[in-house]
Amino acid sequence: MRKVNRFLALVEVEGEIVKAHIPNSGRLTELMTTGHEAALSKAPPGSMRKTAFTLRSVHHNGRWVCVDSTIPNRLAEEMARSRSITLFEGYDTVRREVTVGHHRFDLMLTGANRKPLLVEVKSVTLVENGVAMFPDAPTQRGRSHLETLTRLLGEGYNCVALFIVQRDDAKSFTPNTRTDPEFSKALMEASLAGVCVKALWCEVNEREITAKGELPVNL
């Protein structure tokens, strides 16, 4: 397996080199190396896509890591609808991709006698020495989302930054100051202002991913 550019990898499948779409804008440096086993999904017959496959997970250091950055949004929505974590209790409705001002947020939950809850979900694949970190590449968009969440606290919203770690070897979460100090600063300021910062770890295999539990957050 070899990463060609931001969204394209070359993967060997049954002796043939095929192109696979990478559904993740991060660098994935430690994952996208020759020799790693990968789990792919195949495009349906008749698809107009340029690549026949999509990269879903990579086997790294004895465990599967999900690299599909669309998955955390689905997991968060499922948890919100099922109220499976305390964070989402007391809300009656869940909406996806809600625009507030000039920003679109992943989820908005509403309930009787509750402030609307805006949830921004982030996909985390990088873990070093048991510490999950985000981002693995500078993200001006991510910083802007945090700044907007902080501002919206004063406009009648509750706000959450939810980091979903797509692997099972993390013991805690922290912002990646080395890669993006401005994002780290924005996350700290958001937390101090009242934005709820949560991190969850997942159990992953080559076929599925399941959110399992909460991680300590160190800012």
N, C-alpha and C. Protein backbone atom coordinates (compact mmCIF):
# COMPACT_ATOMS: atom_id res chain seq x y z
N MET A 1 0.84 -1.20 0.00
CA MET A 1 0.00 0.00 0.00
C MET A 1 0.88 1.25 0.00
N ARG A 2 0.47 2.24 -0.80
CA ARG A 2 1.24 3.48 -0.88
C ARG A 2 0.29 4.65 -1.12
N LYS A 3 0.47 5.73 -0.38
CA LYS A 3 -0.35 6.92 -0.56
C LYS A 3 0.22 7.74 -1.71
N VAL A 4 -0.62 8.04 -2.70
CA VAL A 4 -0.20 8.79 -3.88
C VAL A 4 -0.39 10.28 -3.65
N ASN A 5 -1.55 10.64 -3.14
CA ASN A 5 -1.83 12.03 -2.80
C ASN A 5 -2.83 12.05 -1.65
N ARG A 6 -3.38 13.19 -1.39
CA ARG A 6 -4.23 13.37 -0.20
C ARG A 6 -5.37 12.36 -0.12
N PHE A 7 -5.96 12.03 -1.27
CA PHE A 7 -7.14 11.16 -1.25
C PHE A 7 -6.99 9.90 -2.09
N LEU A 8 -5.77 9.54 -2.46
CA LEU A 8 -5.59 8.37 -3.33
C LEU A 8 -4.46 7.49 -2.83
N ALA A 9 -4.74 6.17 -2.79
CA ALA A 9 -3.72 5.19 -2.42
C ALA A 9 -3.66 4.10 -3.47
N LEU A 10 -2.50 3.49 -3.59
CA LEU A 10 -2.33 2.29 -4.41
C LEU A 10 -2.25 1.10 -3.47
N VAL A 11 -3.08 0.09 -3.72
CA VAL A 11 -3.16 -1.07 -2.85
C VAL A 11 -3.09 -2.33 -3.69
N GLU A 12 -2.35 -3.32 -3.21
CA GLU A 12 -2.27 -4.60 -3.92
C GLU A 12 -3.43 -5.49 -3.50
N VAL A 13 -4.21 -5.93 -4.49
CA VAL A 13 -5.34 -6.82 -4.26
C VAL A 13 -5.18 -8.05 -5.14
N GLU A 14 -4.91 -9.19 -4.53
CA GLU A 14 -4.73 -10.45 -5.25
C GLU A 14 -3.70 -10.31 -6.37
N GLY A 15 -2.60 -9.66 -6.05
CA GLY A 15 -1.50 -9.52 -6.98
C GLY A 15 -1.62 -8.38 -7.96
N GLU A 16 -2.72 -7.65 -7.93
CA GLU A 16 -2.94 -6.52 -8.83
C GLU A 16 -2.94 -5.22 -8.05
N ILE A 17 -2.29 -4.18 -8.59
CA ILE A 17 -2.28 -2.87 -7.96
C ILE A 17 -3.52 -2.10 -8.38
N VAL A 18 -4.33 -1.69 -7.39
CA VAL A 18 -5.57 -0.96 -7.68
C VAL A 18 -5.54 0.40 -7.00
N LYS A 19 -6.35 1.31 -7.51
CA LYS A 19 -6.48 2.63 -6.90
C LYS A 19 -7.62 2.60 -5.88
N ALA A 20 -7.37 3.22 -4.73
CA ALA A 20 -8.39 3.28 -3.68
C ALA A 20 -8.53 4.70 -3.17
N HIS A 21 -9.76 5.14 -3.05
CA HIS A 21 -10.04 6.47 -2.48
C HIS A 21 -9.79 6.44 -0.98
N ILE A 22 -9.14 7.49 -0.46
CA ILE A 22 -8.92 7.62 0.98
C ILE A 22 -9.93 8.64 1.51
N PRO A 23 -10.93 8.21 2.28
CA PRO A 23 -11.95 9.13 2.78
C PRO A 23 -11.50 9.85 4.05
N ASN A 24 -10.37 10.51 3.96
CA ASN A 24 -9.78 11.18 5.12
C ASN A 24 -8.79 12.22 4.61
N SER A 25 -8.89 13.45 5.09
CA SER A 25 -8.01 14.53 4.63
C SER A 25 -6.73 14.65 5.45
N GLY A 26 -6.58 13.81 6.48
CA GLY A 26 -5.38 13.87 7.31
C GLY A 26 -4.17 13.28 6.62
N ARG A 27 -3.02 13.40 7.26
CA ARG A 27 -1.79 12.88 6.67
C ARG A 27 -1.69 11.36 6.77
N LEU A 28 -2.13 10.79 7.88
CA LEU A 28 -2.11 9.33 8.10
C LEU A 28 -0.71 8.76 7.90
N THR A 29 0.30 9.52 8.25
CA THR A 29 1.69 9.17 7.94
C THR A 29 2.09 7.81 8.46
N GLU A 30 1.75 7.51 9.71
CA GLU A 30 2.18 6.27 10.32
C GLU A 30 1.39 5.06 9.82
N LEU A 31 0.26 5.30 9.15
CA LEU A 31 -0.59 4.22 8.68
C LEU A 31 -0.36 3.86 7.22
N MET A 32 -0.10 4.86 6.40
CA MET A 32 -0.03 4.65 4.95
C MET A 32 1.38 4.29 4.52
N THR A 33 1.80 3.09 4.88
CA THR A 33 3.13 2.62 4.53
C THR A 33 3.06 1.25 3.89
N THR A 34 4.06 0.92 3.08
CA THR A 34 4.12 -0.36 2.40
C THR A 34 4.15 -1.50 3.41
N GLY A 35 3.38 -2.54 3.13
CA GLY A 35 3.38 -3.72 3.97
C GLY A 35 2.19 -3.83 4.90
N HIS A 36 1.46 -2.74 5.11
CA HIS A 36 0.29 -2.79 5.98
C HIS A 36 -0.89 -3.43 5.25
N GLU A 37 -1.58 -4.31 5.93
CA GLU A 37 -2.80 -4.89 5.39
C GLU A 37 -3.90 -3.84 5.44
N ALA A 38 -4.77 -3.86 4.43
CA ALA A 38 -5.84 -2.86 4.36
C ALA A 38 -7.18 -3.53 4.11
N ALA A 39 -8.23 -2.92 4.62
CA ALA A 39 -9.60 -3.36 4.34
C ALA A 39 -10.23 -2.36 3.39
N LEU A 40 -10.75 -2.86 2.27
CA LEU A 40 -11.33 -2.01 1.24
C LEU A 40 -12.80 -2.34 1.05
N SER A 41 -13.55 -1.38 0.54
CA SER A 41 -14.90 -1.65 0.04
C SER A 41 -14.90 -1.36 -1.45
N LYS A 42 -15.71 -2.10 -2.18
CA LYS A 42 -15.74 -1.96 -3.64
C LYS A 42 -16.92 -1.11 -4.07
N ALA A 43 -16.67 -0.25 -5.05
CA ALA A 43 -17.75 0.59 -5.58
C ALA A 43 -18.80 -0.29 -6.25
N PRO A 44 -20.08 0.08 -6.16
CA PRO A 44 -21.13 -0.73 -6.78
C PRO A 44 -21.01 -0.74 -8.30
N PRO A 45 -21.52 -1.79 -8.95
CA PRO A 45 -21.48 -1.86 -10.42
C PRO A 45 -22.16 -0.64 -11.04
N GLY A 46 -21.54 -0.13 -12.10
CA GLY A 46 -22.11 1.03 -12.77
C GLY A 46 -21.75 2.36 -12.16
N SER A 47 -20.96 2.34 -11.10
CA SER A 47 -20.57 3.58 -10.45
C SER A 47 -19.71 4.43 -11.37
N MET A 48 -19.87 5.74 -11.31
CA MET A 48 -19.10 6.66 -12.15
C MET A 48 -17.83 7.14 -11.45
N ARG A 49 -17.52 6.54 -10.30
CA ARG A 49 -16.34 6.95 -9.56
C ARG A 49 -15.06 6.67 -10.33
N LYS A 50 -14.02 7.45 -10.03
CA LYS A 50 -12.73 7.27 -10.68
C LYS A 50 -11.95 6.11 -10.07
N THR A 51 -12.28 5.73 -8.84
CA THR A 51 -11.59 4.62 -8.18
C THR A 51 -12.60 3.50 -7.90
N ALA A 52 -12.15 2.27 -8.08
CA ALA A 52 -13.03 1.12 -7.87
C ALA A 52 -13.17 0.74 -6.41
N PHE A 53 -12.24 1.23 -5.58
CA PHE A 53 -12.23 0.84 -4.17
C PHE A 53 -12.16 2.06 -3.26
N THR A 54 -12.58 1.86 -2.01
CA THR A 54 -12.42 2.85 -0.95
C THR A 54 -11.68 2.21 0.21
N LEU A 55 -10.68 2.90 0.72
CA LEU A 55 -9.92 2.40 1.87
C LEU A 55 -10.74 2.65 3.13
N ARG A 56 -10.98 1.60 3.90
CA ARG A 56 -11.78 1.73 5.12
C ARG A 56 -10.94 1.62 6.39
N SER A 57 -10.05 0.63 6.44
CA SER A 57 -9.24 0.41 7.65
C SER A 57 -7.85 -0.06 7.26
N VAL A 58 -6.90 0.16 8.19
CA VAL A 58 -5.51 -0.27 8.00
C VAL A 58 -5.09 -1.06 9.23
N HIS A 59 -4.39 -2.18 9.00
CA HIS A 59 -3.88 -2.98 10.11
C HIS A 59 -2.48 -2.47 10.47
N HIS A 60 -2.37 -1.95 11.70
CA HIS A 60 -1.14 -1.27 12.11
C HIS A 60 -0.77 -1.70 13.52
N ASN A 61 0.45 -2.20 13.68
CA ASN A 61 0.94 -2.63 15.00
C ASN A 61 -0.01 -3.59 15.69
N GLY A 62 -0.52 -4.54 14.92
CA GLY A 62 -1.35 -5.59 15.50
C GLY A 62 -2.81 -5.24 15.73
N ARG A 63 -3.27 -4.10 15.23
CA ARG A 63 -4.68 -3.72 15.44
C ARG A 63 -5.20 -2.98 14.21
N TRP A 64 -6.50 -3.01 14.07
CA TRP A 64 -7.13 -2.30 12.97
C TRP A 64 -7.42 -0.85 13.36
N VAL A 65 -7.16 0.04 12.41
CA VAL A 65 -7.44 1.47 12.59
C VAL A 65 -8.36 1.90 11.45
N CYS A 66 -9.54 2.39 11.79
CA CYS A 66 -10.47 2.87 10.77
C CYS A 66 -10.03 4.25 10.30
N VAL A 67 -9.85 4.42 9.00
CA VAL A 67 -9.40 5.71 8.46
C VAL A 67 -10.53 6.49 7.78
N ASP A 68 -11.72 5.93 7.77
CA ASP A 68 -12.86 6.57 7.11
C ASP A 68 -13.40 7.68 8.02
N SER A 69 -13.18 8.92 7.63
CA SER A 69 -13.56 10.05 8.49
C SER A 69 -15.06 10.35 8.45
N THR A 70 -15.82 9.62 7.62
CA THR A 70 -17.28 9.79 7.64
C THR A 70 -17.93 8.95 8.73
N ILE A 71 -17.23 7.95 9.22
CA ILE A 71 -17.80 7.02 10.20
C ILE A 71 -18.14 7.71 11.53
N PRO A 72 -17.25 8.54 12.10
CA PRO A 72 -17.57 9.15 13.39
C PRO A 72 -18.90 9.92 13.41
N ASN A 73 -19.24 10.59 12.32
CA ASN A 73 -20.52 11.30 12.28
C ASN A 73 -21.69 10.32 12.40
N ARG A 74 -21.57 9.17 11.74
CA ARG A 74 -22.63 8.17 11.83
C ARG A 74 -22.72 7.60 13.24
N LEU A 75 -21.56 7.33 13.83
CA LEU A 75 -21.56 6.81 15.20
C LEU A 75 -22.18 7.82 16.16
N ALA A 76 -21.81 9.08 16.01
CA ALA A 76 -22.35 10.12 16.89
C ALA A 76 -23.86 10.23 16.73
N GLU A 77 -24.33 10.17 15.50
CA GLU A 77 -25.78 10.24 15.27
C GLU A 77 -26.50 9.06 15.90
N GLU A 78 -25.93 7.86 15.74
CA GLU A 78 -26.54 6.67 16.34
C GLU A 78 -26.61 6.81 17.86
N MET A 79 -25.53 7.30 18.47
CA MET A 79 -25.52 7.47 19.92
C MET A 79 -26.52 8.54 20.36
N ALA A 80 -26.64 9.59 19.56
CA ALA A 80 -27.58 10.66 19.89
C ALA A 80 -29.02 10.16 19.83
N ARG A 81 -29.33 9.39 18.80
CA ARG A 81 -30.70 8.89 18.63
C ARG A 81 -31.06 7.85 19.68
N SER A 82 -30.08 7.06 20.10
CA SER A 82 -30.34 6.02 21.10
C SER A 82 -30.13 6.50 22.53
N ARG A 83 -29.60 7.74 22.67
CA ARG A 83 -29.26 8.30 23.99
C ARG A 83 -28.37 7.34 24.77
N SER A 84 -27.41 6.76 24.08
CA SER A 84 -26.58 5.72 24.68
C SER A 84 -25.47 6.27 25.57
N ILE A 85 -25.23 7.59 25.53
CA ILE A 85 -24.28 8.20 26.45
C ILE A 85 -24.96 9.38 27.14
N THR A 86 -24.50 9.68 28.33
CA THR A 86 -25.14 10.71 29.17
C THR A 86 -25.23 12.05 28.45
N LEU A 87 -24.24 12.34 27.63
CA LEU A 87 -24.18 13.62 26.92
C LEU A 87 -25.46 13.93 26.15
N PHE A 88 -26.12 12.88 25.63
CA PHE A 88 -27.27 13.07 24.76
C PHE A 88 -28.61 12.83 25.45
N GLU A 89 -28.61 12.61 26.74
CA GLU A 89 -29.86 12.37 27.45
C GLU A 89 -30.67 13.66 27.57
N GLY A 90 -32.00 13.52 27.49
CA GLY A 90 -32.89 14.65 27.68
C GLY A 90 -33.25 15.39 26.41
N TYR A 91 -32.75 14.92 25.26
CA TYR A 91 -33.08 15.56 23.98
C TYR A 91 -34.03 14.67 23.19
N ASP A 92 -34.96 15.30 22.48
CA ASP A 92 -36.01 14.56 21.77
C ASP A 92 -35.74 14.40 20.28
N THR A 93 -35.09 15.38 19.67
CA THR A 93 -34.89 15.33 18.23
C THR A 93 -33.41 15.50 17.89
N VAL A 94 -33.03 14.88 16.77
CA VAL A 94 -31.65 14.94 16.29
C VAL A 94 -31.68 15.33 14.82
N ARG A 95 -30.94 16.37 14.47
CA ARG A 95 -30.82 16.79 13.07
C ARG A 95 -29.36 16.76 12.66
N ARG A 96 -29.13 16.39 11.41
CA ARG A 96 -27.77 16.32 10.87
C ARG A 96 -27.45 17.56 10.05
N GLU A 97 -26.16 17.92 10.04
CA GLU A 97 -25.63 18.97 9.17
C GLU A 97 -26.50 20.23 9.22
N VAL A 98 -26.54 20.81 10.40
CA VAL A 98 -27.37 22.00 10.64
C VAL A 98 -26.51 23.26 10.48
N THR A 99 -27.00 24.21 9.71
CA THR A 99 -26.28 25.46 9.51
C THR A 99 -26.74 26.50 10.52
N VAL A 100 -25.78 27.07 11.23
CA VAL A 100 -26.03 28.16 12.17
C VAL A 100 -25.09 29.29 11.77
N GLY A 101 -25.66 30.42 11.38
CA GLY A 101 -24.82 31.49 10.86
C GLY A 101 -24.16 31.04 9.55
N HIS A 102 -22.85 31.14 9.49
CA HIS A 102 -22.13 30.74 8.27
C HIS A 102 -21.45 29.38 8.43
N HIS A 103 -21.77 28.66 9.51
CA HIS A 103 -21.10 27.39 9.76
C HIS A 103 -22.12 26.26 9.81
N ARG A 104 -21.70 25.11 9.29
CA ARG A 104 -22.53 23.91 9.35
C ARG A 104 -21.96 22.96 10.40
N PHE A 105 -22.81 22.50 11.30
CA PHE A 105 -22.39 21.60 12.36
C PHE A 105 -22.96 20.21 12.14
N ASP A 106 -22.25 19.21 12.65
CA ASP A 106 -22.59 17.83 12.35
C ASP A 106 -23.95 17.43 12.90
N LEU A 107 -24.25 17.84 14.13
CA LEU A 107 -25.52 17.47 14.75
C LEU A 107 -26.08 18.63 15.55
N MET A 108 -27.41 18.70 15.61
CA MET A 108 -28.07 19.58 16.57
C MET A 108 -29.18 18.79 17.25
N LEU A 109 -29.16 18.78 18.57
CA LEU A 109 -30.17 18.10 19.36
C LEU A 109 -31.05 19.13 20.05
N THR A 110 -32.35 18.87 20.09
CA THR A 110 -33.27 19.77 20.77
C THR A 110 -34.18 18.96 21.68
N GLY A 111 -34.64 19.61 22.74
CA GLY A 111 -35.54 18.97 23.69
C GLY A 111 -36.29 20.00 24.49
N ALA A 112 -37.39 19.58 25.08
CA ALA A 112 -38.21 20.50 25.87
C ALA A 112 -37.42 21.04 27.05
N ASN A 113 -37.49 22.35 27.22
CA ASN A 113 -36.82 23.02 28.34
C ASN A 113 -35.31 22.83 28.33
N ARG A 114 -34.74 22.59 27.15
CA ARG A 114 -33.29 22.46 27.02
C ARG A 114 -32.79 23.41 25.95
N LYS A 115 -31.63 23.98 26.17
CA LYS A 115 -30.99 24.74 25.09
C LYS A 115 -30.64 23.78 23.95
N PRO A 116 -30.72 24.21 22.69
CA PRO A 116 -30.26 23.36 21.59
C PRO A 116 -28.79 22.99 21.81
N LEU A 117 -28.46 21.75 21.48
CA LEU A 117 -27.09 21.25 21.64
C LEU A 117 -26.45 21.09 20.27
N LEU A 118 -25.39 21.85 20.00
CA LEU A 118 -24.63 21.72 18.76
C LEU A 118 -23.45 20.80 19.00
N VAL A 119 -23.26 19.84 18.09
CA VAL A 119 -22.19 18.86 18.23
C VAL A 119 -21.30 18.89 16.99
N GLU A 120 -20.03 19.14 17.19
CA GLU A 120 -19.04 19.06 16.12
C GLU A 120 -18.20 17.81 16.37
N VAL A 121 -18.17 16.91 15.39
CA VAL A 121 -17.52 15.61 15.53
C VAL A 121 -16.20 15.61 14.76
N LYS A 122 -15.16 15.08 15.39
CA LYS A 122 -13.85 14.98 14.74
C LYS A 122 -13.38 13.53 14.73
N SER A 123 -12.79 13.14 13.60
CA SER A 123 -12.25 11.80 13.40
C SER A 123 -10.79 11.77 13.82
N VAL A 124 -10.44 10.85 14.73
CA VAL A 124 -9.08 10.76 15.26
C VAL A 124 -8.48 9.40 14.90
N THR A 125 -7.34 9.41 14.22
CA THR A 125 -6.64 8.16 13.88
C THR A 125 -5.25 8.06 14.49
N LEU A 126 -4.71 9.18 14.95
CA LEU A 126 -3.33 9.21 15.44
C LEU A 126 -3.27 8.90 16.93
N VAL A 127 -2.47 7.90 17.30
CA VAL A 127 -2.21 7.57 18.70
C VAL A 127 -0.71 7.36 18.87
N GLU A 128 -0.11 8.03 19.84
CA GLU A 128 1.30 7.86 20.16
C GLU A 128 1.44 7.55 21.64
N ASN A 129 2.04 6.41 21.95
CA ASN A 129 2.26 6.00 23.34
C ASN A 129 0.97 6.04 24.16
N GLY A 130 -0.10 5.58 23.55
CA GLY A 130 -1.38 5.51 24.24
C GLY A 130 -2.17 6.81 24.28
N VAL A 131 -1.63 7.87 23.68
CA VAL A 131 -2.31 9.17 23.69
C VAL A 131 -2.87 9.47 22.30
N ALA A 132 -4.19 9.59 22.21
CA ALA A 132 -4.83 9.97 20.96
C ALA A 132 -4.68 11.47 20.76
N MET A 133 -4.39 11.88 19.52
CA MET A 133 -4.15 13.29 19.24
C MET A 133 -4.87 13.73 17.97
N PHE A 134 -5.34 14.96 17.99
CA PHE A 134 -5.96 15.58 16.83
C PHE A 134 -5.54 17.05 16.80
N PRO A 135 -5.27 17.57 15.60
CA PRO A 135 -5.29 16.93 14.29
C PRO A 135 -3.93 16.32 13.94
N ASP A 136 -3.89 15.56 12.82
CA ASP A 136 -2.59 15.07 12.35
C ASP A 136 -2.09 15.91 11.18
N ALA A 137 -2.84 16.97 10.86
CA ALA A 137 -2.42 17.98 9.87
C ALA A 137 -3.10 19.29 10.27
N PRO A 138 -2.48 20.43 10.02
CA PRO A 138 -3.10 21.71 10.40
C PRO A 138 -4.50 21.85 9.82
N THR A 139 -5.42 22.37 10.62
CA THR A 139 -6.81 22.48 10.19
C THR A 139 -7.41 23.84 10.56
N GLN A 140 -7.39 24.74 9.62
CA GLN A 140 -8.01 26.05 9.83
C GLN A 140 -9.52 25.91 10.00
N ARG A 141 -10.11 24.98 9.26
CA ARG A 141 -11.56 24.75 9.36
C ARG A 141 -11.93 24.27 10.76
N GLY A 142 -11.12 23.35 11.31
CA GLY A 142 -11.40 22.85 12.65
C GLY A 142 -11.30 23.95 13.69
N ARG A 143 -10.32 24.81 13.55
CA ARG A 143 -10.15 25.93 14.47
C ARG A 143 -11.34 26.90 14.37
N SER A 144 -11.79 27.14 13.15
CA SER A 144 -12.92 28.03 12.94
C SER A 144 -14.19 27.48 13.60
N HIS A 145 -14.37 26.16 13.50
CA HIS A 145 -15.53 25.54 14.14
C HIS A 145 -15.50 25.76 15.66
N LEU A 146 -14.33 25.60 16.25
CA LEU A 146 -14.21 25.79 17.70
C LEU A 146 -14.50 27.23 18.10
N GLU A 147 -13.98 28.16 17.33
CA GLU A 147 -14.22 29.57 17.63
C GLU A 147 -15.70 29.92 17.52
N THR A 148 -16.37 29.30 16.54
CA THR A 148 -17.80 29.55 16.38
C THR A 148 -18.60 28.92 17.51
N LEU A 149 -18.24 27.70 17.90
CA LEU A 149 -18.91 27.06 19.04
C LEU A 149 -18.79 27.94 20.29
N THR A 150 -17.60 28.48 20.50
CA THR A 150 -17.37 29.34 21.67
C THR A 150 -18.28 30.56 21.62
N ARG A 151 -18.40 31.16 20.45
CA ARG A 151 -19.26 32.34 20.32
C ARG A 151 -20.73 32.00 20.53
N LEU A 152 -21.15 30.83 20.03
CA LEU A 152 -22.56 30.46 20.11
C LEU A 152 -23.02 30.11 21.52
N LEU A 153 -22.07 29.87 22.41
CA LEU A 153 -22.44 29.67 23.82
C LEU A 153 -23.23 30.86 24.35
N GLY A 154 -22.87 32.04 23.87
CA GLY A 154 -23.53 33.26 24.33
C GLY A 154 -24.80 33.59 23.56
N GLU A 155 -25.18 32.70 22.62
CA GLU A 155 -26.37 32.95 21.81
C GLU A 155 -27.45 31.90 22.04
N GLY A 156 -27.38 31.24 23.20
CA GLY A 156 -28.46 30.32 23.57
C GLY A 156 -28.25 28.87 23.20
N TYR A 157 -27.02 28.47 22.93
CA TYR A 157 -26.72 27.08 22.59
C TYR A 157 -25.81 26.45 23.64
N ASN A 158 -25.97 25.14 23.82
CA ASN A 158 -24.93 24.33 24.44
C ASN A 158 -24.10 23.73 23.31
N CYS A 159 -22.80 23.56 23.52
CA CYS A 159 -21.91 23.15 22.44
C CYS A 159 -20.97 22.05 22.89
N VAL A 160 -20.71 21.11 21.97
CA VAL A 160 -19.84 19.97 22.25
C VAL A 160 -18.85 19.78 21.11
N ALA A 161 -17.59 19.57 21.45
CA ALA A 161 -16.58 19.09 20.50
C ALA A 161 -16.33 17.63 20.85
N LEU A 162 -16.72 16.72 19.96
CA LEU A 162 -16.65 15.29 20.23
C LEU A 162 -15.59 14.64 19.34
N PHE A 163 -14.55 14.11 19.96
CA PHE A 163 -13.45 13.46 19.24
C PHE A 163 -13.63 11.95 19.33
N ILE A 164 -13.80 11.31 18.18
CA ILE A 164 -14.00 9.86 18.15
C ILE A 164 -12.73 9.20 17.64
N VAL A 165 -12.08 8.44 18.52
CA VAL A 165 -10.81 7.78 18.22
C VAL A 165 -11.10 6.43 17.58
N GLN A 166 -10.68 6.26 16.33
CA GLN A 166 -11.08 5.11 15.53
C GLN A 166 -10.10 3.94 15.66
N ARG A 167 -9.76 3.63 16.90
CA ARG A 167 -8.87 2.52 17.22
C ARG A 167 -9.00 2.23 18.72
N ASP A 168 -8.42 1.11 19.17
CA ASP A 168 -8.68 0.67 20.55
C ASP A 168 -7.51 0.81 21.51
N ASP A 169 -6.43 1.48 21.09
CA ASP A 169 -5.23 1.51 21.93
C ASP A 169 -4.99 2.85 22.62
N ALA A 170 -5.97 3.74 22.60
CA ALA A 170 -5.81 5.04 23.26
C ALA A 170 -6.23 4.95 24.72
N LYS A 171 -5.46 5.60 25.58
CA LYS A 171 -5.78 5.67 27.00
C LYS A 171 -6.24 7.07 27.41
N SER A 172 -5.95 8.07 26.56
CA SER A 172 -6.36 9.44 26.82
C SER A 172 -6.34 10.21 25.51
N PHE A 173 -6.86 11.44 25.55
CA PHE A 173 -6.87 12.30 24.36
C PHE A 173 -6.30 13.66 24.70
N THR A 174 -5.54 14.23 23.75
CA THR A 174 -5.03 15.59 23.91
C THR A 174 -4.93 16.23 22.53
N PRO A 175 -5.07 17.54 22.42
CA PRO A 175 -4.86 18.19 21.12
C PRO A 175 -3.40 18.09 20.70
N ASN A 176 -3.18 18.02 19.40
CA ASN A 176 -1.83 17.85 18.86
C ASN A 176 -1.15 19.22 18.69
N THR A 177 -0.58 19.69 19.79
CA THR A 177 0.06 21.01 19.80
C THR A 177 1.22 21.09 18.84
N ARG A 178 1.94 20.00 18.68
CA ARG A 178 3.10 19.97 17.80
C ARG A 178 2.70 20.24 16.35
N THR A 179 1.60 19.67 15.92
CA THR A 179 1.16 19.81 14.54
C THR A 179 0.37 21.08 14.28
N ASP A 180 -0.49 21.46 15.24
CA ASP A 180 -1.34 22.64 15.04
C ASP A 180 -1.55 23.36 16.37
N PRO A 181 -0.58 24.19 16.77
CA PRO A 181 -0.71 24.90 18.06
C PRO A 181 -1.91 25.83 18.11
N GLU A 182 -2.32 26.37 16.98
CA GLU A 182 -3.47 27.28 16.97
C GLU A 182 -4.77 26.52 17.26
N PHE A 183 -4.88 25.31 16.73
CA PHE A 183 -6.06 24.49 17.05
C PHE A 183 -6.07 24.15 18.53
N SER A 184 -4.92 23.77 19.06
CA SER A 184 -4.82 23.43 20.48
C SER A 184 -5.23 24.60 21.36
N LYS A 185 -4.78 25.79 20.98
CA LYS A 185 -5.15 27.00 21.73
C LYS A 185 -6.65 27.24 21.66
N ALA A 186 -7.22 27.07 20.47
CA ALA A 186 -8.66 27.29 20.30
C ALA A 186 -9.47 26.29 21.10
N LEU A 187 -8.99 25.04 21.18
CA LEU A 187 -9.70 24.03 21.95
C LEU A 187 -9.66 24.35 23.44
N MET A 188 -8.51 24.78 23.91
CA MET A 188 -8.38 25.17 25.32
C MET A 188 -9.32 26.34 25.63
N GLU A 189 -9.32 27.35 24.78
CA GLU A 189 -10.17 28.52 25.00
C GLU A 189 -11.65 28.15 24.94
N ALA A 190 -12.00 27.24 24.03
CA ALA A 190 -13.39 26.79 23.93
C ALA A 190 -13.82 26.08 25.21
N SER A 191 -12.94 25.22 25.71
CA SER A 191 -13.24 24.48 26.94
C SER A 191 -13.42 25.43 28.12
N LEU A 192 -12.52 26.39 28.24
CA LEU A 192 -12.61 27.36 29.34
C LEU A 192 -13.88 28.20 29.26
N ALA A 193 -14.35 28.43 28.03
CA ALA A 193 -15.56 29.23 27.84
C ALA A 193 -16.83 28.44 28.14
N GLY A 194 -16.72 27.10 28.13
CA GLY A 194 -17.88 26.27 28.43
C GLY A 194 -18.25 25.25 27.39
N VAL A 195 -17.50 25.17 26.28
CA VAL A 195 -17.72 24.11 25.31
C VAL A 195 -17.32 22.78 25.94
N CYS A 196 -18.20 21.79 25.86
CA CYS A 196 -17.91 20.47 26.41
C CYS A 196 -16.99 19.71 25.44
N VAL A 197 -15.85 19.24 25.92
CA VAL A 197 -14.90 18.50 25.10
C VAL A 197 -14.91 17.05 25.55
N LYS A 198 -15.30 16.15 24.65
CA LYS A 198 -15.39 14.72 24.97
C LYS A 198 -14.59 13.92 23.95
N ALA A 199 -14.09 12.76 24.39
CA ALA A 199 -13.38 11.84 23.49
C ALA A 199 -13.85 10.42 23.78
N LEU A 200 -14.07 9.66 22.71
CA LEU A 200 -14.49 8.27 22.82
C LEU A 200 -13.54 7.38 22.04
N TRP A 201 -13.29 6.17 22.54
CA TRP A 201 -12.49 5.21 21.79
C TRP A 201 -13.39 4.15 21.18
N CYS A 202 -12.88 3.48 20.15
CA CYS A 202 -13.69 2.51 19.41
C CYS A 202 -12.99 1.16 19.32
N GLU A 203 -13.80 0.14 19.21
CA GLU A 203 -13.33 -1.21 18.88
C GLU A 203 -13.46 -1.37 17.37
N VAL A 204 -12.39 -1.81 16.73
CA VAL A 204 -12.36 -1.84 15.27
C VAL A 204 -11.86 -3.20 14.79
N ASN A 205 -12.50 -3.73 13.75
CA ASN A 205 -11.93 -4.85 13.00
C ASN A 205 -12.04 -4.52 11.52
N GLU A 206 -11.72 -5.48 10.67
CA GLU A 206 -11.71 -5.18 9.24
C GLU A 206 -13.11 -4.97 8.66
N ARG A 207 -14.15 -5.29 9.43
CA ARG A 207 -15.52 -5.18 8.92
C ARG A 207 -16.35 -4.09 9.59
N GLU A 208 -16.06 -3.78 10.86
CA GLU A 208 -16.94 -2.85 11.56
C GLU A 208 -16.20 -2.06 12.63
N ILE A 209 -16.87 -1.02 13.12
CA ILE A 209 -16.33 -0.17 14.17
C ILE A 209 -17.45 0.13 15.15
N THR A 210 -17.13 0.06 16.45
CA THR A 210 -18.13 0.28 17.49
C THR A 210 -17.56 1.20 18.56
N ALA A 211 -18.28 2.26 18.88
CA ALA A 211 -17.86 3.15 19.97
C ALA A 211 -18.03 2.41 21.29
N LYS A 212 -16.98 2.44 22.13
CA LYS A 212 -16.99 1.62 23.35
C LYS A 212 -16.99 2.41 24.64
N GLY A 213 -16.22 3.49 24.73
CA GLY A 213 -16.15 4.17 26.01
C GLY A 213 -15.47 5.52 25.92
N GLU A 214 -15.55 6.25 27.03
CA GLU A 214 -15.01 7.60 27.09
C GLU A 214 -13.54 7.58 27.50
N LEU A 215 -12.78 8.54 26.97
CA LEU A 215 -11.37 8.70 27.31
C LEU A 215 -11.16 9.97 28.13
N PRO A 216 -10.20 9.97 29.04
CA PRO A 216 -9.82 11.22 29.71
C PRO A 216 -9.31 12.22 28.69
N VAL A 217 -9.65 13.49 28.88
CA VAL A 217 -9.21 14.56 27.98
C VAL A 217 -8.24 15.46 28.74
N ASN A 218 -7.05 15.65 28.16
CA ASN A 218 -6.03 16.50 28.76
C ASN A 218 -5.75 17.67 27.83
N LEU A 219 -6.09 18.87 28.27
CA LEU A 219 -5.92 20.05 27.42
C LEU A 219 -4.70 20.86 27.86
